[in-house]
Amino acid sequence: MNVLINDTPHVLAEPATVADALVAIDAVPPFAVAVNRVFVPRSAYIGHSLKDQDRIEVIRPVTGG
């Protein structure tokens, strides 16, 4: 399936979950995830199924002043 992760195209094997997408980009915490602009709680990463053409945003916190 084709998805966008942080606006970059990726191909994931079906069926795919948010956890699979995070593995594909070697994501290292801390971060938050949204699929199609809807927040996905960490407890749902393994169970949240993705669909072809989903947009996944992995957002890292920004620190500083």
C-alpha atoms as a PDB file:
ATOM      1  CA  MET A   1       0.000   0.000   0.000  1.00  0.00           C
ATOM      2  CA  ASN A   2       1.144   3.543  -0.676  1.00  0.00           C
ATOM      3  CA  VAL A   3       1.113   6.045   2.183  1.00  0.00           C
ATOM      4  CA  LEU A   4       2.659   9.414   2.919  1.00  0.00           C
ATOM      5  CA  ILE A   5       4.737   9.689   6.070  1.00  0.00           C
ATOM      6  CA  ASN A   6       5.647  13.297   6.807  1.00  0.00           C
ATOM      7  CA  ASP A   7       4.884  14.103   3.153  1.00  0.00           C
ATOM      8  CA  THR A   8       7.306  11.435   1.881  1.00  0.00           C
ATOM      9  CA  PRO A   9       5.895   8.490  -0.125  1.00  0.00           C
ATOM     10  CA  HIS A  10       6.389   5.045   1.403  1.00  0.00           C
ATOM     11  CA  VAL A  11       5.245   1.582   0.374  1.00  0.00           C
ATOM     12  CA  LEU A  12       4.102  -0.666   3.232  1.00  0.00           C
ATOM     13  CA  ALA A  13       3.137  -4.325   3.047  1.00  0.00           C
ATOM     14  CA  GLU A  14      -0.558  -4.986   3.647  1.00  0.00           C
ATOM     15  CA  PRO A  15      -2.027  -5.151   6.195  1.00  0.00           C
ATOM     16  CA  ALA A  16      -0.146  -2.255   7.804  1.00  0.00           C
ATOM     17  CA  THR A  17      -0.556  -0.432  11.093  1.00  0.00           C
ATOM     18  CA  VAL A  18       0.776   2.794  12.545  1.00  0.00           C
ATOM     19  CA  ALA A  19       3.450   0.692  14.277  1.00  0.00           C
ATOM     20  CA  ASP A  20       4.582  -0.606  10.854  1.00  0.00           C
ATOM     21  CA  ALA A  21       4.850   2.950   9.536  1.00  0.00           C
ATOM     22  CA  LEU A  22       6.973   3.949  12.515  1.00  0.00           C
ATOM     23  CA  VAL A  23       9.321   1.025  11.898  1.00  0.00           C
ATOM     24  CA  ALA A  24       9.592   2.046   8.230  1.00  0.00           C
ATOM     25  CA  ILE A  25      11.027   5.437   9.217  1.00  0.00           C
ATOM     26  CA  ASP A  26      13.032   4.219  12.238  1.00  0.00           C
ATOM     27  CA  ALA A  27      11.110   6.611  14.502  1.00  0.00           C
ATOM     28  CA  VAL A  28      12.728   7.280  17.875  1.00  0.00           C
ATOM     29  CA  PRO A  29      10.601   8.670  20.736  1.00  0.00           C
ATOM     30  CA  PRO A  30       9.475  11.172  21.767  1.00  0.00           C
ATOM     31  CA  PHE A  31       6.895  11.825  19.081  1.00  0.00           C
ATOM     32  CA  ALA A  32       3.147  12.024  18.477  1.00  0.00           C
ATOM     33  CA  VAL A  33       1.309  10.493  15.520  1.00  0.00           C
ATOM     34  CA  ALA A  34      -1.687  11.622  13.483  1.00  0.00           C
ATOM     35  CA  VAL A  35      -3.315   9.727  10.622  1.00  0.00           C
ATOM     36  CA  ASN A  36      -5.264  11.913   8.222  1.00  0.00           C
ATOM     37  CA  ARG A  37      -5.003  14.722  10.808  1.00  0.00           C
ATOM     38  CA  VAL A  38      -6.519  12.615  13.613  1.00  0.00           C
ATOM     39  CA  PHE A  39      -4.328  11.998  16.689  1.00  0.00           C
ATOM     40  CA  VAL A  40      -3.552   8.331  17.362  1.00  0.00           C
ATOM     41  CA  PRO A  41      -2.708   7.500  20.992  1.00  0.00           C
ATOM     42  CA  ARG A  42       0.432   5.460  21.609  1.00  0.00           C
ATOM     43  CA  SER A  43      -1.672   2.591  22.974  1.00  0.00           C
ATOM     44  CA  ALA A  44      -3.349   2.272  19.539  1.00  0.00           C
ATOM     45  CA  TYR A  45      -0.243   2.172  17.289  1.00  0.00           C
ATOM     46  CA  ILE A  46      -0.316  -1.633  16.946  1.00  0.00           C
ATOM     47  CA  GLY A  47      -4.064  -1.837  16.369  1.00  0.00           C
ATOM     48  CA  HIS A  48      -4.619   1.219  14.152  1.00  0.00           C
ATOM     49  CA  SER A  49      -4.908  -0.146  10.596  1.00  0.00           C
ATOM     50  CA  LEU A  50      -3.773   1.970   7.686  1.00  0.00           C
ATOM     51  CA  LYS A  51      -5.405   2.282   4.275  1.00  0.00           C
ATOM     52  CA  ASP A  52      -3.900   3.019   0.895  1.00  0.00           C
ATOM     53  CA  GLN A  53      -3.169   6.761   0.498  1.00  0.00           C
ATOM     54  CA  ASP A  54      -3.313   7.520   4.248  1.00  0.00           C
ATOM     55  CA  ARG A  55      -1.257  10.503   5.424  1.00  0.00           C
ATOM     56  CA  ILE A  56       0.759   9.831   8.559  1.00  0.00           C
ATOM     57  CA  GLU A  57       2.381  12.687  10.450  1.00  0.00           C
ATOM     58  CA  VAL A  58       5.055  11.911  13.014  1.00  0.00           C
ATOM     59  CA  ILE A  59       5.501  15.052  15.065  1.00  0.00           C
ATOM     60  CA  ARG A  60       8.486  15.592  17.330  1.00  0.00           C
ATOM     61  CA  PRO A  61       8.365  18.090  20.199  1.00  0.00           C
ATOM     62  CA  VAL A  62      10.233  21.348  19.797  1.00  0.00           C
ATOM     63  CA  THR A  63      12.117  22.744  22.747  1.00  0.00           C
ATOM     64  CA  GLY A  64      13.776  26.045  23.330  1.00  0.00           C
ATOM     65  CA  GLY A  65      12.778  29.553  24.034  1.00  0.00           C
END
